[in-house]
Amino acid sequence: MREIIKLSCQVCKKNAYFQTKNKKAKSEKLVTKKFCKFCRAHVEHKESKV
């Protein structure tokens, strides 16, 4: 079953993105490099609580 997760910027700690993830297939936290509109740079975004 896919669940909605929230991605937070690791620099400014603001929530920028929402994604879905299969919790049974991947149990570890998702980390992706995305553009943060608050920092105005490409930085890592890590999964946080919804």
PDB file of N, CA and C in Angstrom:
ATOM      1  N   MET A   1       0.830  -1.184   0.000  1.00  0.00           N
ATOM      2  CA  MET A   1       0.000   0.000   0.000  1.00  0.00           C
ATOM      3  C   MET A   1       0.874   1.247   0.000  1.00  0.00           C
ATOM      4  N   ARG A   2       0.526   2.211  -0.829  1.00  0.00           N
ATOM      5  CA  ARG A   2       1.308   3.434  -0.921  1.00  0.00           C
ATOM      6  C   ARG A   2       0.780   4.466   0.072  1.00  0.00           C
ATOM      7  N   GLU A   3       1.695   5.165   0.724  1.00  0.00           N
ATOM      8  CA  GLU A   3       1.322   6.189   1.694  1.00  0.00           C
ATOM      9  C   GLU A   3       1.943   7.515   1.299  1.00  0.00           C
ATOM     10  N   ILE A   4       1.287   8.599   1.682  1.00  0.00           N
ATOM     11  CA  ILE A   4       1.779   9.943   1.381  1.00  0.00           C
ATOM     12  C   ILE A   4       2.847  10.308   2.400  1.00  0.00           C
ATOM     13  N   ILE A   5       3.989  10.811   1.903  1.00  0.00           N
ATOM     14  CA  ILE A   5       5.073  11.266   2.777  1.00  0.00           C
ATOM     15  C   ILE A   5       5.393  12.718   2.458  1.00  0.00           C
ATOM     16  N   LYS A   6       6.039  13.391   3.391  1.00  0.00           N
ATOM     17  CA  LYS A   6       6.406  14.786   3.244  1.00  0.00           C
ATOM     18  C   LYS A   6       7.924  14.887   3.183  1.00  0.00           C
ATOM     19  N   LEU A   7       8.457  15.677   2.254  1.00  0.00           N
ATOM     20  CA  LEU A   7       9.899  15.877   2.140  1.00  0.00           C
ATOM     21  C   LEU A   7      10.264  17.264   2.660  1.00  0.00           C
ATOM     22  N   SER A   8      11.198  17.311   3.593  1.00  0.00           N
ATOM     23  CA  SER A   8      11.635  18.569   4.198  1.00  0.00           C
ATOM     24  C   SER A   8      13.059  18.887   3.787  1.00  0.00           C
ATOM     25  N   CYS A   9      13.322  20.160   3.565  1.00  0.00           N
ATOM     26  CA  CYS A   9      14.658  20.636   3.210  1.00  0.00           C
ATOM     27  C   CYS A   9      15.590  20.444   4.409  1.00  0.00           C
ATOM     28  N   GLN A  10      16.808  19.993   4.158  1.00  0.00           N
ATOM     29  CA  GLN A  10      17.769  19.772   5.235  1.00  0.00           C
ATOM     30  C   GLN A  10      18.502  21.049   5.642  1.00  0.00           C
ATOM     31  N   VAL A  11      18.379  22.114   4.829  1.00  0.00           N
ATOM     32  CA  VAL A  11      19.053  23.374   5.140  1.00  0.00           C
ATOM     33  C   VAL A  11      18.136  24.300   5.932  1.00  0.00           C
ATOM     34  N   CYS A  12      16.953  24.602   5.376  1.00  0.00           N
ATOM     35  CA  CYS A  12      16.051  25.559   6.027  1.00  0.00           C
ATOM     36  C   CYS A  12      14.950  24.894   6.837  1.00  0.00           C
ATOM     37  N   LYS A  13      14.827  23.551   6.740  1.00  0.00           N
ATOM     38  CA  LYS A  13      13.863  22.749   7.508  1.00  0.00           C
ATOM     39  C   LYS A  13      12.401  23.051   7.178  1.00  0.00           C
ATOM     40  N   LYS A  14      12.123  23.598   5.998  1.00  0.00           N
ATOM     41  CA  LYS A  14      10.743  23.847   5.588  1.00  0.00           C
ATOM     42  C   LYS A  14      10.266  22.707   4.701  1.00  0.00           C
ATOM     43  N   ASN A  15       8.957  22.452   4.739  1.00  0.00           N
ATOM     44  CA  ASN A  15       8.366  21.382   3.945  1.00  0.00           C
ATOM     45  C   ASN A  15       8.085  21.897   2.547  1.00  0.00           C
ATOM     46  N   ALA A  16       8.618  21.208   1.554  1.00  0.00           N
ATOM     47  CA  ALA A  16       8.482  21.682   0.193  1.00  0.00           C
ATOM     48  C   ALA A  16       7.737  20.725  -0.717  1.00  0.00           C
ATOM     49  N   TYR A  17       7.818  19.422  -0.478  1.00  0.00           N
ATOM     50  CA  TYR A  17       7.267  18.445  -1.409  1.00  0.00           C
ATOM     51  C   TYR A  17       6.479  17.363  -0.689  1.00  0.00           C
ATOM     52  N   PHE A  18       5.504  16.786  -1.403  1.00  0.00           N
ATOM     53  CA  PHE A  18       4.774  15.604  -0.965  1.00  0.00           C
ATOM     54  C   PHE A  18       4.949  14.540  -2.027  1.00  0.00           C
ATOM     55  N   GLN A  19       5.123  13.285  -1.612  1.00  0.00           N
ATOM     56  CA  GLN A  19       5.282  12.160  -2.523  1.00  0.00           C
ATOM     57  C   GLN A  19       4.583  10.946  -1.932  1.00  0.00           C
ATOM     58  N   THR A  20       4.451   9.902  -2.738  1.00  0.00           N
ATOM     59  CA  THR A  20       3.935   8.632  -2.227  1.00  0.00           C
ATOM     60  C   THR A  20       5.066   7.623  -2.206  1.00  0.00           C
ATOM     61  N   LYS A  21       4.958   6.674  -1.275  1.00  0.00           N
ATOM     62  CA  LYS A  21       6.011   5.685  -1.112  1.00  0.00           C
ATOM     63  C   LYS A  21       5.383   4.377  -0.674  1.00  0.00           C
ATOM     64  N   ASN A  22       5.914   3.269  -1.178  1.00  0.00           N
ATOM     65  CA  ASN A  22       5.470   1.952  -0.766  1.00  0.00           C
ATOM     66  C   ASN A  22       6.230   1.582   0.510  1.00  0.00           C
ATOM     67  N   LYS A  23       5.537   1.601   1.643  1.00  0.00           N
ATOM     68  CA  LYS A  23       6.182   1.356   2.939  1.00  0.00           C
ATOM     69  C   LYS A  23       6.636  -0.094   3.112  1.00  0.00           C
ATOM     70  N   LYS A  24       5.990  -1.043   2.424  1.00  0.00           N
ATOM     71  CA  LYS A  24       6.396  -2.445   2.548  1.00  0.00           C
ATOM     72  C   LYS A  24       7.695  -2.712   1.795  1.00  0.00           C
ATOM     73  N   ALA A  25       7.882  -2.066   0.645  1.00  0.00           N
ATOM     74  CA  ALA A  25       9.073  -2.310  -0.159  1.00  0.00           C
ATOM     75  C   ALA A  25      10.296  -1.556   0.372  1.00  0.00           C
ATOM     76  N   LYS A  26      10.086  -0.332   0.853  1.00  0.00           N
ATOM     77  CA  LYS A  26      11.194   0.501   1.353  1.00  0.00           C
ATOM     78  C   LYS A  26      10.861   0.971   2.754  1.00  0.00           C
ATOM     79  N   SER A  27      11.570   0.468   3.720  1.00  0.00           N
ATOM     80  CA  SER A  27      11.302   0.852   5.104  1.00  0.00           C
ATOM     81  C   SER A  27      12.182   2.015   5.574  1.00  0.00           C
ATOM     82  N   GLU A  28      13.299   2.269   4.880  1.00  0.00           N
ATOM     83  CA  GLU A  28      14.178   3.362   5.287  1.00  0.00           C
ATOM     84  C   GLU A  28      13.624   4.706   4.791  1.00  0.00           C
ATOM     85  N   LYS A  29      14.115   5.793   5.348  1.00  0.00           N
ATOM     86  CA  LYS A  29      13.643   7.125   4.976  1.00  0.00           C
ATOM     87  C   LYS A  29      14.165   7.512   3.604  1.00  0.00           C
ATOM     88  N   LEU A  30      13.316   8.161   2.839  1.00  0.00           N
ATOM     89  CA  LEU A  30      13.641   8.590   1.493  1.00  0.00           C
ATOM     90  C   LEU A  30      14.451   9.886   1.538  1.00  0.00           C
ATOM     91  N   VAL A  31      15.545   9.955   0.776  1.00  0.00           N
ATOM     92  CA  VAL A  31      16.362  11.169   0.678  1.00  0.00           C
ATOM     93  C   VAL A  31      16.595  11.433  -0.804  1.00  0.00           C
ATOM     94  N   THR A  32      16.189  12.630  -1.272  1.00  0.00           N
ATOM     95  CA  THR A  32      16.387  13.009  -2.666  1.00  0.00           C
ATOM     96  C   THR A  32      16.924  14.423  -2.739  1.00  0.00           C
ATOM     97  N   LYS A  33      17.581  14.726  -3.843  1.00  0.00           N
ATOM     98  CA  LYS A  33      18.108  16.061  -4.056  1.00  0.00           C
ATOM     99  C   LYS A  33      17.123  16.801  -4.951  1.00  0.00           C
ATOM    100  N   LYS A  34      16.504  17.863  -4.411  1.00  0.00           N
ATOM    101  CA  LYS A  34      15.487  18.623  -5.121  1.00  0.00           C
ATOM    102  C   LYS A  34      15.743  20.113  -4.951  1.00  0.00           C
ATOM    103  N   PHE A  35      15.029  20.915  -5.750  1.00  0.00           N
ATOM    104  CA  PHE A  35      15.144  22.368  -5.665  1.00  0.00           C
ATOM    105  C   PHE A  35      14.269  22.877  -4.528  1.00  0.00           C
ATOM    106  N   CYS A  36      14.839  23.662  -3.627  1.00  0.00           N
ATOM    107  CA  CYS A  36      14.099  24.270  -2.527  1.00  0.00           C
ATOM    108  C   CYS A  36      13.785  25.707  -2.915  1.00  0.00           C
ATOM    109  N   LYS A  37      12.485  26.052  -2.950  1.00  0.00           N
ATOM    110  CA  LYS A  37      12.093  27.403  -3.346  1.00  0.00           C
ATOM    111  C   LYS A  37      12.393  28.438  -2.262  1.00  0.00           C
ATOM    112  N   PHE A  38      12.614  27.997  -1.023  1.00  0.00           N
ATOM    113  CA  PHE A  38      12.949  28.910   0.057  1.00  0.00           C
ATOM    114  C   PHE A  38      14.448  29.217   0.085  1.00  0.00           C
ATOM    115  N   CYS A  39      15.283  28.196  -0.131  1.00  0.00           N
ATOM    116  CA  CYS A  39      16.748  28.372  -0.177  1.00  0.00           C
ATOM    117  C   CYS A  39      17.211  28.849  -1.555  1.00  0.00           C
ATOM    118  N   ARG A  40      16.389  28.568  -2.580  1.00  0.00           N
ATOM    119  CA  ARG A  40      16.704  28.861  -3.977  1.00  0.00           C
ATOM    120  C   ARG A  40      17.962  28.133  -4.426  1.00  0.00           C
ATOM    121  N   ALA A  41      18.043  26.838  -4.060  1.00  0.00           N
ATOM    122  CA  ALA A  41      19.188  26.009  -4.432  1.00  0.00           C
ATOM    123  C   ALA A  41      18.759  24.550  -4.445  1.00  0.00           C
ATOM    124  N   HIS A  42      19.560  23.701  -5.089  1.00  0.00           N
ATOM    125  CA  HIS A  42      19.325  22.264  -5.085  1.00  0.00           C
ATOM    126  C   HIS A  42      19.989  21.679  -3.844  1.00  0.00           C
ATOM    127  N   VAL A  43      19.182  21.161  -2.932  1.00  0.00           N
ATOM    128  CA  VAL A  43      19.678  20.594  -1.678  1.00  0.00           C
ATOM    129  C   VAL A  43      18.949  19.279  -1.405  1.00  0.00           C
ATOM    130  N   GLU A  44      19.432  18.525  -0.433  1.00  0.00           N
ATOM    131  CA  GLU A  44      18.812  17.255  -0.072  1.00  0.00           C
ATOM    132  C   GLU A  44      17.519  17.502   0.697  1.00  0.00           C
ATOM    133  N   HIS A  45      16.521  16.707   0.371  1.00  0.00           N
ATOM    134  CA  HIS A  45      15.248  16.716   1.073  1.00  0.00           C
ATOM    135  C   HIS A  45      15.049  15.324   1.664  1.00  0.00           C
ATOM    136  N   LYS A  46      14.659  15.276   2.950  1.00  0.00           N
ATOM    137  CA  LYS A  46      14.524  14.019   3.659  1.00  0.00           C
ATOM    138  C   LYS A  46      13.088  13.831   4.111  1.00  0.00           C
ATOM    139  N   GLU A  47      12.667  12.594   4.165  1.00  0.00           N
ATOM    140  CA  GLU A  47      11.304  12.265   4.582  1.00  0.00           C
ATOM    141  C   GLU A  47      11.078  12.684   6.028  1.00  0.00           C
ATOM    142  N   SER A  48       9.903  13.289   6.290  1.00  0.00           N
ATOM    143  CA  SER A  48       9.547  13.676   7.655  1.00  0.00           C
ATOM    144  C   SER A  48       8.098  13.287   7.923  1.00  0.00           C
ATOM    145  N   LYS A  49       7.611  13.539   9.119  1.00  0.00           N
ATOM    146  CA  LYS A  49       6.255  13.169   9.497  1.00  0.00           C
ATOM    147  C   LYS A  49       5.231  14.007   8.743  1.00  0.00           C
ATOM    148  N   VAL A  50       4.075  13.395   8.455  1.00  0.00           N
ATOM    149  CA  VAL A  50       2.988  14.115   7.776  1.00  0.00           C
ATOM    150  C   VAL A  50       2.112  14.773   8.793  1.00  0.00           C
TER     151      VAL A  50
END
